[in-house]
PDB file of all heavy atoms in Angstrom:
ATOM      1  N   GLU A   1       7.805  -3.979   0.516  1.00  0.00           N
ATOM      2  CA  GLU A   1       8.486  -3.309  -0.579  1.00  0.00           C
ATOM      3  C   GLU A   1       7.505  -2.976  -1.625  1.00  0.00           C
ATOM      4  O   GLU A   1       6.586  -3.665  -1.922  1.00  0.00           O
ATOM      5  CB  GLU A   1       9.567  -4.187  -1.134  1.00  0.00           C
ATOM      6  CG  GLU A   1      10.743  -4.451  -0.231  1.00  0.00           C
ATOM      7  CD  GLU A   1      11.858  -5.231  -0.866  1.00  0.00           C
ATOM      8  OE1 GLU A   1      11.790  -5.582  -2.067  1.00  0.00           O
ATOM      9  OE2 GLU A   1      12.866  -5.515  -0.180  1.00  0.00           O
ATOM     10  N   TYR A   2       7.664  -1.756  -2.256  1.00  0.00           N
ATOM     11  CA  TYR A   2       6.849  -1.403  -3.390  1.00  0.00           C
ATOM     12  C   TYR A   2       7.699  -0.550  -4.329  1.00  0.00           C
ATOM     13  O   TYR A   2       8.726  -0.070  -3.969  1.00  0.00           O
ATOM     14  CB  TYR A   2       5.589  -0.531  -2.943  1.00  0.00           C
ATOM     15  CG  TYR A   2       6.009   0.607  -2.023  1.00  0.00           C
ATOM     16  CD1 TYR A   2       6.442   1.795  -2.623  1.00  0.00           C
ATOM     17  CD2 TYR A   2       5.819   0.624  -0.634  1.00  0.00           C
ATOM     18  CE1 TYR A   2       6.812   2.910  -1.834  1.00  0.00           C
ATOM     19  CE2 TYR A   2       6.180   1.657   0.171  1.00  0.00           C
ATOM     20  CZ  TYR A   2       6.647   2.854  -0.460  1.00  0.00           C
ATOM     21  OH  TYR A   2       6.901   3.936   0.344  1.00  0.00           O
ATOM     22  N   ARG A   3       7.207  -0.466  -5.581  1.00  0.00           N
ATOM     23  CA  ARG A   3       7.959   0.338  -6.575  1.00  0.00           C
ATOM     24  C   ARG A   3       7.217   1.651  -6.744  1.00  0.00           C
ATOM     25  O   ARG A   3       6.011   1.642  -7.020  1.00  0.00           O
ATOM     26  CB  ARG A   3       7.943  -0.495  -7.905  1.00  0.00           C
ATOM     27  CG  ARG A   3       8.774   0.266  -9.056  1.00  0.00           C
ATOM     28  CD  ARG A   3       8.895  -0.653 -10.246  1.00  0.00           C
ATOM     29  NE  ARG A   3       7.638  -0.836 -10.887  1.00  0.00           N
ATOM     30  CZ  ARG A   3       7.135  -0.049 -11.909  1.00  0.00           C
ATOM     31  NH1 ARG A   3       7.858   0.991 -12.298  1.00  0.00           N
ATOM     32  NH2 ARG A   3       6.007  -0.328 -12.460  1.00  0.00           N
ATOM     33  N   VAL A   4       7.988   2.728  -6.648  1.00  0.00           N
ATOM     34  CA  VAL A   4       7.367   4.067  -6.862  1.00  0.00           C
ATOM     35  C   VAL A   4       7.300   4.319  -8.442  1.00  0.00           C
ATOM     36  O   VAL A   4       8.299   4.355  -9.103  1.00  0.00           O
ATOM     37  CB  VAL A   4       8.175   5.167  -6.214  1.00  0.00           C
ATOM     38  CG1 VAL A   4       7.630   6.589  -6.484  1.00  0.00           C
ATOM     39  CG2 VAL A   4       8.240   4.915  -4.647  1.00  0.00           C
ATOM     40  N   VAL A   5       6.100   4.458  -8.906  1.00  0.00           N
ATOM     41  CA  VAL A   5       5.848   4.675 -10.281  1.00  0.00           C
ATOM     42  C   VAL A   5       5.957   6.214 -10.609  1.00  0.00           C
ATOM     43  O   VAL A   5       6.474   6.610 -11.685  1.00  0.00           O
ATOM     44  CB  VAL A   5       4.475   4.199 -10.639  1.00  0.00           C
ATOM     45  CG1 VAL A   5       4.079   4.470 -12.117  1.00  0.00           C
ATOM     46  CG2 VAL A   5       4.379   2.607 -10.472  1.00  0.00           C
ATOM     47  N   ARG A   6       5.485   7.026  -9.674  1.00  0.00           N
ATOM     48  CA  ARG A   6       5.441   8.496  -9.903  1.00  0.00           C
ATOM     49  C   ARG A   6       5.466   9.147  -8.445  1.00  0.00           C
ATOM     50  O   ARG A   6       4.858   8.648  -7.587  1.00  0.00           O
ATOM     51  CB  ARG A   6       4.221   8.849 -10.650  1.00  0.00           C
ATOM     52  CG  ARG A   6       4.177  10.396 -10.918  1.00  0.00           C
ATOM     53  CD  ARG A   6       2.915  10.698 -11.722  1.00  0.00           C
ATOM     54  NE  ARG A   6       2.852  12.216 -12.001  1.00  0.00           N
ATOM     55  CZ  ARG A   6       1.812  12.744 -12.607  1.00  0.00           C
ATOM     56  NH1 ARG A   6       0.761  12.042 -13.018  1.00  0.00           N
ATOM     57  NH2 ARG A   6       1.834  14.066 -12.729  1.00  0.00           N
ATOM     58  N   GLN A   7       6.239  10.244  -8.470  1.00  0.00           N
ATOM     59  CA  GLN A   7       6.235  11.022  -7.184  1.00  0.00           C
ATOM     60  C   GLN A   7       6.127  12.538  -7.573  1.00  0.00           C
ATOM     61  O   GLN A   7       6.751  12.973  -8.497  1.00  0.00           O
ATOM     62  CB  GLN A   7       7.577  10.803  -6.429  1.00  0.00           C
ATOM     63  CG  GLN A   7       7.589  11.553  -5.064  1.00  0.00           C
ATOM     64  CD  GLN A   7       8.897  11.240  -4.262  1.00  0.00           C
ATOM     65  OE1 GLN A   7       9.843  10.605  -4.847  1.00  0.00           O
ATOM     66  NE2 GLN A   7       8.808  11.457  -3.023  1.00  0.00           N
ATOM     67  N   GLU A   8       5.347  13.267  -6.735  1.00  0.00           N
ATOM     68  CA  GLU A   8       5.134  14.661  -6.895  1.00  0.00           C
ATOM     69  C   GLU A   8       4.962  15.216  -5.522  1.00  0.00           C
ATOM     70  O   GLU A   8       3.877  15.257  -5.016  1.00  0.00           O
ATOM     71  CB  GLU A   8       3.978  14.979  -7.826  1.00  0.00           C
ATOM     72  CG  GLU A   8       3.817  16.464  -8.115  1.00  0.00           C
ATOM     73  CD  GLU A   8       2.665  16.723  -9.106  1.00  0.00           C
ATOM     74  OE1 GLU A   8       2.583  16.036 -10.154  1.00  0.00           O
ATOM     75  OE2 GLU A   8       1.888  17.575  -8.753  1.00  0.00           O
ATOM     76  N   GLY A   9       6.004  15.738  -4.922  1.00  0.00           N
ATOM     77  CA  GLY A   9       5.919  16.248  -3.503  1.00  0.00           C
ATOM     78  C   GLY A   9       5.544  15.136  -2.600  1.00  0.00           C
ATOM     79  O   GLY A   9       6.223  14.130  -2.501  1.00  0.00           O
ATOM     80  N   VAL A  10       4.460  15.305  -1.815  1.00  0.00           N
ATOM     81  CA  VAL A  10       3.994  14.336  -0.852  1.00  0.00           C
ATOM     82  C   VAL A  10       3.169  13.273  -1.448  1.00  0.00           C
ATOM     83  O   VAL A  10       2.790  12.336  -0.746  1.00  0.00           O
ATOM     84  CB  VAL A  10       3.190  15.066   0.295  1.00  0.00           C
ATOM     85  CG1 VAL A  10       4.049  16.018   1.073  1.00  0.00           C
ATOM     86  CG2 VAL A  10       1.939  15.748  -0.309  1.00  0.00           C
ATOM     87  N   PHE A  11       2.884  13.317  -2.789  1.00  0.00           N
ATOM     88  CA  PHE A  11       2.104  12.309  -3.462  1.00  0.00           C
ATOM     89  C   PHE A  11       2.989  11.275  -4.144  1.00  0.00           C
ATOM     90  O   PHE A  11       3.996  11.615  -4.712  1.00  0.00           O
ATOM     91  CB  PHE A  11       1.227  13.026  -4.498  1.00  0.00           C
ATOM     92  CG  PHE A  11       0.292  14.055  -3.947  1.00  0.00           C
ATOM     93  CD1 PHE A  11       0.593  15.433  -4.116  1.00  0.00           C
ATOM     94  CD2 PHE A  11      -0.806  13.735  -3.235  1.00  0.00           C
ATOM     95  CE1 PHE A  11      -0.214  16.385  -3.629  1.00  0.00           C
ATOM     96  CE2 PHE A  11      -1.646  14.684  -2.757  1.00  0.00           C
ATOM     97  CZ  PHE A  11      -1.355  16.086  -2.931  1.00  0.00           C
ATOM     98  N   GLU A  12       2.534  10.031  -4.062  1.00  0.00           N
ATOM     99  CA  GLU A  12       3.248   8.951  -4.761  1.00  0.00           C
ATOM    100  C   GLU A  12       2.223   8.027  -5.390  1.00  0.00           C
ATOM    101  O   GLU A  12       1.122   7.808  -4.829  1.00  0.00           O
ATOM    102  CB  GLU A  12       4.157   8.170  -3.857  1.00  0.00           C
ATOM    103  CG  GLU A  12       5.364   8.881  -3.461  1.00  0.00           C
ATOM    104  CD  GLU A  12       6.351   7.940  -2.707  1.00  0.00           C
ATOM    105  OE1 GLU A  12       5.874   6.902  -2.151  1.00  0.00           O
ATOM    106  OE2 GLU A  12       7.552   8.265  -2.533  1.00  0.00           O
ATOM    107  N   VAL A  13       2.564   7.371  -6.475  1.00  0.00           N
ATOM    108  CA  VAL A  13       1.836   6.255  -7.036  1.00  0.00           C
ATOM    109  C   VAL A  13       2.795   5.063  -6.966  1.00  0.00           C
ATOM    110  O   VAL A  13       3.958   5.130  -7.421  1.00  0.00           O
ATOM    111  CB  VAL A  13       1.430   6.479  -8.532  1.00  0.00           C
ATOM    112  CG1 VAL A  13       0.792   5.209  -9.120  1.00  0.00           C
ATOM    113  CG2 VAL A  13       0.493   7.698  -8.567  1.00  0.00           C
ATOM    114  N   ARG A  14       2.320   3.965  -6.348  1.00  0.00           N
ATOM    115  CA  ARG A  14       3.140   2.828  -6.113  1.00  0.00           C
ATOM    116  C   ARG A  14       2.532   1.520  -6.614  1.00  0.00           C
ATOM    117  O   ARG A  14       1.306   1.347  -6.663  1.00  0.00           O
ATOM    118  CB  ARG A  14       3.292   2.690  -4.591  1.00  0.00           C
ATOM    119  CG  ARG A  14       3.746   3.841  -3.836  1.00  0.00           C
ATOM    120  CD  ARG A  14       3.515   3.745  -2.374  1.00  0.00           C
ATOM    121  NE  ARG A  14       4.055   4.863  -1.558  1.00  0.00           N
ATOM    122  CZ  ARG A  14       3.755   5.098  -0.325  1.00  0.00           C
ATOM    123  NH1 ARG A  14       2.963   4.344   0.323  1.00  0.00           N
ATOM    124  NH2 ARG A  14       4.195   6.201   0.337  1.00  0.00           N
ATOM    125  N   ASP A  15       3.429   0.589  -6.981  1.00  0.00           N
ATOM    126  CA  ASP A  15       3.027  -0.750  -7.321  1.00  0.00           C
ATOM    127  C   ASP A  15       3.382  -1.599  -6.219  1.00  0.00           C
ATOM    128  O   ASP A  15       4.578  -1.704  -5.838  1.00  0.00           O
ATOM    129  CB  ASP A  15       3.685  -1.215  -8.649  1.00  0.00           C
ATOM    130  CG  ASP A  15       3.029  -0.664  -9.889  1.00  0.00           C
ATOM    131  OD1 ASP A  15       1.911  -0.128  -9.776  1.00  0.00           O
ATOM    132  OD2 ASP A  15       3.637  -0.606 -10.922  1.00  0.00           O
ATOM    133  N   TYR A  16       2.368  -2.305  -5.574  1.00  0.00           N
ATOM    134  CA  TYR A  16       2.592  -3.171  -4.482  1.00  0.00           C
ATOM    135  C   TYR A  16       2.539  -4.630  -4.951  1.00  0.00           C
ATOM    136  O   TYR A  16       1.729  -5.026  -5.850  1.00  0.00           O
ATOM    137  CB  TYR A  16       1.530  -3.038  -3.441  1.00  0.00           C
ATOM    138  CG  TYR A  16       1.661  -1.842  -2.492  1.00  0.00           C
ATOM    139  CD1 TYR A  16       1.147  -0.632  -2.908  1.00  0.00           C
ATOM    140  CD2 TYR A  16       2.387  -1.862  -1.336  1.00  0.00           C
ATOM    141  CE1 TYR A  16       1.345   0.496  -2.055  1.00  0.00           C
ATOM    142  CE2 TYR A  16       2.558  -0.806  -0.505  1.00  0.00           C
ATOM    143  CZ  TYR A  16       2.061   0.400  -0.887  1.00  0.00           C
ATOM    144  OH  TYR A  16       2.199   1.518  -0.047  1.00  0.00           O
ATOM    145  N   PRO A  17       3.383  -5.538  -4.419  1.00  0.00           N
ATOM    146  CA  PRO A  17       3.344  -6.938  -4.754  1.00  0.00           C
ATOM    147  C   PRO A  17       2.278  -7.592  -4.067  1.00  0.00           C
ATOM    148  O   PRO A  17       1.511  -7.062  -3.199  1.00  0.00           O
ATOM    149  CB  PRO A  17       4.715  -7.405  -4.342  1.00  0.00           C
ATOM    150  CG  PRO A  17       5.014  -6.611  -3.035  1.00  0.00           C
ATOM    151  CD  PRO A  17       4.449  -5.175  -3.429  1.00  0.00           C
ATOM    152  N   SER A  18       2.120  -8.960  -4.257  1.00  0.00           N
ATOM    153  CA  SER A  18       1.201  -9.748  -3.554  1.00  0.00           C
ATOM    154  C   SER A  18       1.674  -9.794  -2.074  1.00  0.00           C
ATOM    155  O   SER A  18       2.887  -9.916  -1.793  1.00  0.00           O
ATOM    156  CB  SER A  18       1.088 -11.135  -4.117  1.00  0.00           C
ATOM    157  OG  SER A  18       0.223 -11.960  -3.380  1.00  0.00           O
ATOM    158  N   LEU A  19       0.734  -9.773  -1.124  1.00  0.00           N
ATOM    159  CA  LEU A  19       1.051  -9.772   0.276  1.00  0.00           C
ATOM    160  C   LEU A  19       0.266 -10.819   1.044  1.00  0.00           C
ATOM    161  O   LEU A  19      -0.872 -11.152   0.623  1.00  0.00           O
ATOM    162  CB  LEU A  19       0.794  -8.351   0.805  1.00  0.00           C
ATOM    163  CG  LEU A  19       1.576  -7.237   0.232  1.00  0.00           C
ATOM    164  CD1 LEU A  19       0.932  -5.878   0.636  1.00  0.00           C
ATOM    165  CD2 LEU A  19       3.033  -7.215   0.639  1.00  0.00           C
ATOM    166  N   VAL A  20       0.785 -11.262   2.174  1.00  0.00           N
ATOM    167  CA  VAL A  20       0.074 -12.175   2.987  1.00  0.00           C
ATOM    168  C   VAL A  20      -0.354 -11.404   4.252  1.00  0.00           C
ATOM    169  O   VAL A  20       0.439 -10.674   4.880  1.00  0.00           O
ATOM    170  CB  VAL A  20       0.939 -13.386   3.466  1.00  0.00           C
ATOM    171  CG1 VAL A  20       0.193 -14.338   4.340  1.00  0.00           C
ATOM    172  CG2 VAL A  20       1.424 -14.116   2.206  1.00  0.00           C
ATOM    173  N   VAL A  21      -1.623 -11.470   4.631  1.00  0.00           N
ATOM    174  CA  VAL A  21      -2.093 -10.668   5.773  1.00  0.00           C
ATOM    175  C   VAL A  21      -2.842 -11.576   6.816  1.00  0.00           C
ATOM    176  O   VAL A  21      -3.267 -12.685   6.458  1.00  0.00           O
ATOM    177  CB  VAL A  21      -3.096  -9.623   5.319  1.00  0.00           C
ATOM    178  CG1 VAL A  21      -2.439  -8.761   4.234  1.00  0.00           C
ATOM    179  CG2 VAL A  21      -4.437 -10.201   4.755  1.00  0.00           C
ATOM    180  N   ALA A  22      -2.792 -11.109   8.021  1.00  0.00           N
ATOM    181  CA  ALA A  22      -3.635 -11.585   9.098  1.00  0.00           C
ATOM    182  C   ALA A  22      -4.668 -10.531   9.432  1.00  0.00           C
ATOM    183  O   ALA A  22      -4.304  -9.387   9.480  1.00  0.00           O
ATOM    184  CB  ALA A  22      -2.825 -11.901  10.314  1.00  0.00           C
ATOM    185  N   GLU A  23      -5.955 -10.859   9.573  1.00  0.00           N
ATOM    186  CA  GLU A  23      -6.929  -9.846   9.714  1.00  0.00           C
ATOM    187  C   GLU A  23      -8.039 -10.335  10.761  1.00  0.00           C
ATOM    188  O   GLU A  23      -8.187 -11.510  10.984  1.00  0.00           O
ATOM    189  CB  GLU A  23      -7.622  -9.525   8.390  1.00  0.00           C
ATOM    190  CG  GLU A  23      -8.340 -10.779   7.847  1.00  0.00           C
ATOM    191  CD  GLU A  23      -9.036 -10.380   6.441  1.00  0.00           C
ATOM    192  OE1 GLU A  23      -8.477  -9.443   5.810  1.00  0.00           O
ATOM    193  OE2 GLU A  23      -9.999 -11.043   6.139  1.00  0.00           O
ATOM    194  N   VAL A  24      -8.620  -9.266  11.342  1.00  0.00           N
ATOM    195  CA  VAL A  24      -9.798  -9.546  12.174  1.00  0.00           C
ATOM    196  C   VAL A  24     -10.940  -8.532  11.823  1.00  0.00           C
ATOM    197  O   VAL A  24     -10.527  -7.436  11.290  1.00  0.00           O
ATOM    198  CB  VAL A  24      -9.489  -9.395  13.711  1.00  0.00           C
ATOM    199  CG1 VAL A  24      -8.536 -10.497  14.123  1.00  0.00           C
ATOM    200  CG2 VAL A  24      -8.986  -8.077  14.026  1.00  0.00           C
ATOM    201  N   SER A  25     -12.115  -8.773  12.130  1.00  0.00           N
ATOM    202  CA  SER A  25     -13.245  -7.817  11.913  1.00  0.00           C
ATOM    203  C   SER A  25     -13.589  -7.243  13.253  1.00  0.00           C
ATOM    204  O   SER A  25     -13.749  -7.906  14.271  1.00  0.00           O
ATOM    205  CB  SER A  25     -14.447  -8.573  11.335  1.00  0.00           C
ATOM    206  OG  SER A  25     -14.126  -9.014  10.058  1.00  0.00           O
ATOM    207  N   ARG A  26     -13.943  -5.893  13.258  1.00  0.00           N
ATOM    208  CA  ARG A  26     -14.398  -5.168  14.404  1.00  0.00           C
ATOM    209  C   ARG A  26     -15.455  -4.230  14.130  1.00  0.00           C
ATOM    210  O   ARG A  26     -15.530  -3.659  12.981  1.00  0.00           O
ATOM    211  CB  ARG A  26     -13.209  -4.530  15.096  1.00  0.00           C
ATOM    212  CG  ARG A  26     -12.178  -5.422  15.768  1.00  0.00           C
ATOM    213  CD  ARG A  26     -12.786  -6.120  16.951  1.00  0.00           C
ATOM    214  NE  ARG A  26     -11.790  -6.894  17.666  1.00  0.00           N
ATOM    215  CZ  ARG A  26     -11.642  -8.160  17.411  1.00  0.00           C
ATOM    216  NH1 ARG A  26     -12.293  -8.779  16.449  1.00  0.00           N
ATOM    217  NH2 ARG A  26     -10.762  -8.930  18.154  1.00  0.00           N
ATOM    218  N   GLN A  27     -16.358  -3.939  15.057  1.00  0.00           N
ATOM    219  CA  GLN A  27     -17.369  -2.913  14.930  1.00  0.00           C
ATOM    220  C   GLN A  27     -16.998  -1.732  15.719  1.00  0.00           C
ATOM    221  O   GLN A  27     -16.186  -1.781  16.656  1.00  0.00           O
ATOM    222  CB  GLN A  27     -18.691  -3.474  15.460  1.00  0.00           C
ATOM    223  CG  GLN A  27     -19.256  -4.679  14.663  1.00  0.00           C
ATOM    224  CD  GLN A  27     -19.669  -4.280  13.252  1.00  0.00           C
ATOM    225  OE1 GLN A  27     -19.198  -4.897  12.227  1.00  0.00           O
ATOM    226  NE2 GLN A  27     -20.538  -3.291  13.092  1.00  0.00           N
ATOM    227  N   GLY A  28     -17.634  -0.559  15.434  1.00  0.00           N
ATOM    228  CA  GLY A  28     -17.382   0.625  16.237  1.00  0.00           C
ATOM    229  C   GLY A  28     -16.664   1.748  15.408  1.00  0.00           C
ATOM    230  O   GLY A  28     -16.438   1.640  14.276  1.00  0.00           O
TER     231      GLY A  28
END
């Protein structure tokens, strides 16, 4: 979920909350 602060056509400015992620590193 995020809050749309501004929208103009295909462009948006959004406020995202804190998120929990799983991640890995890769080369190439």
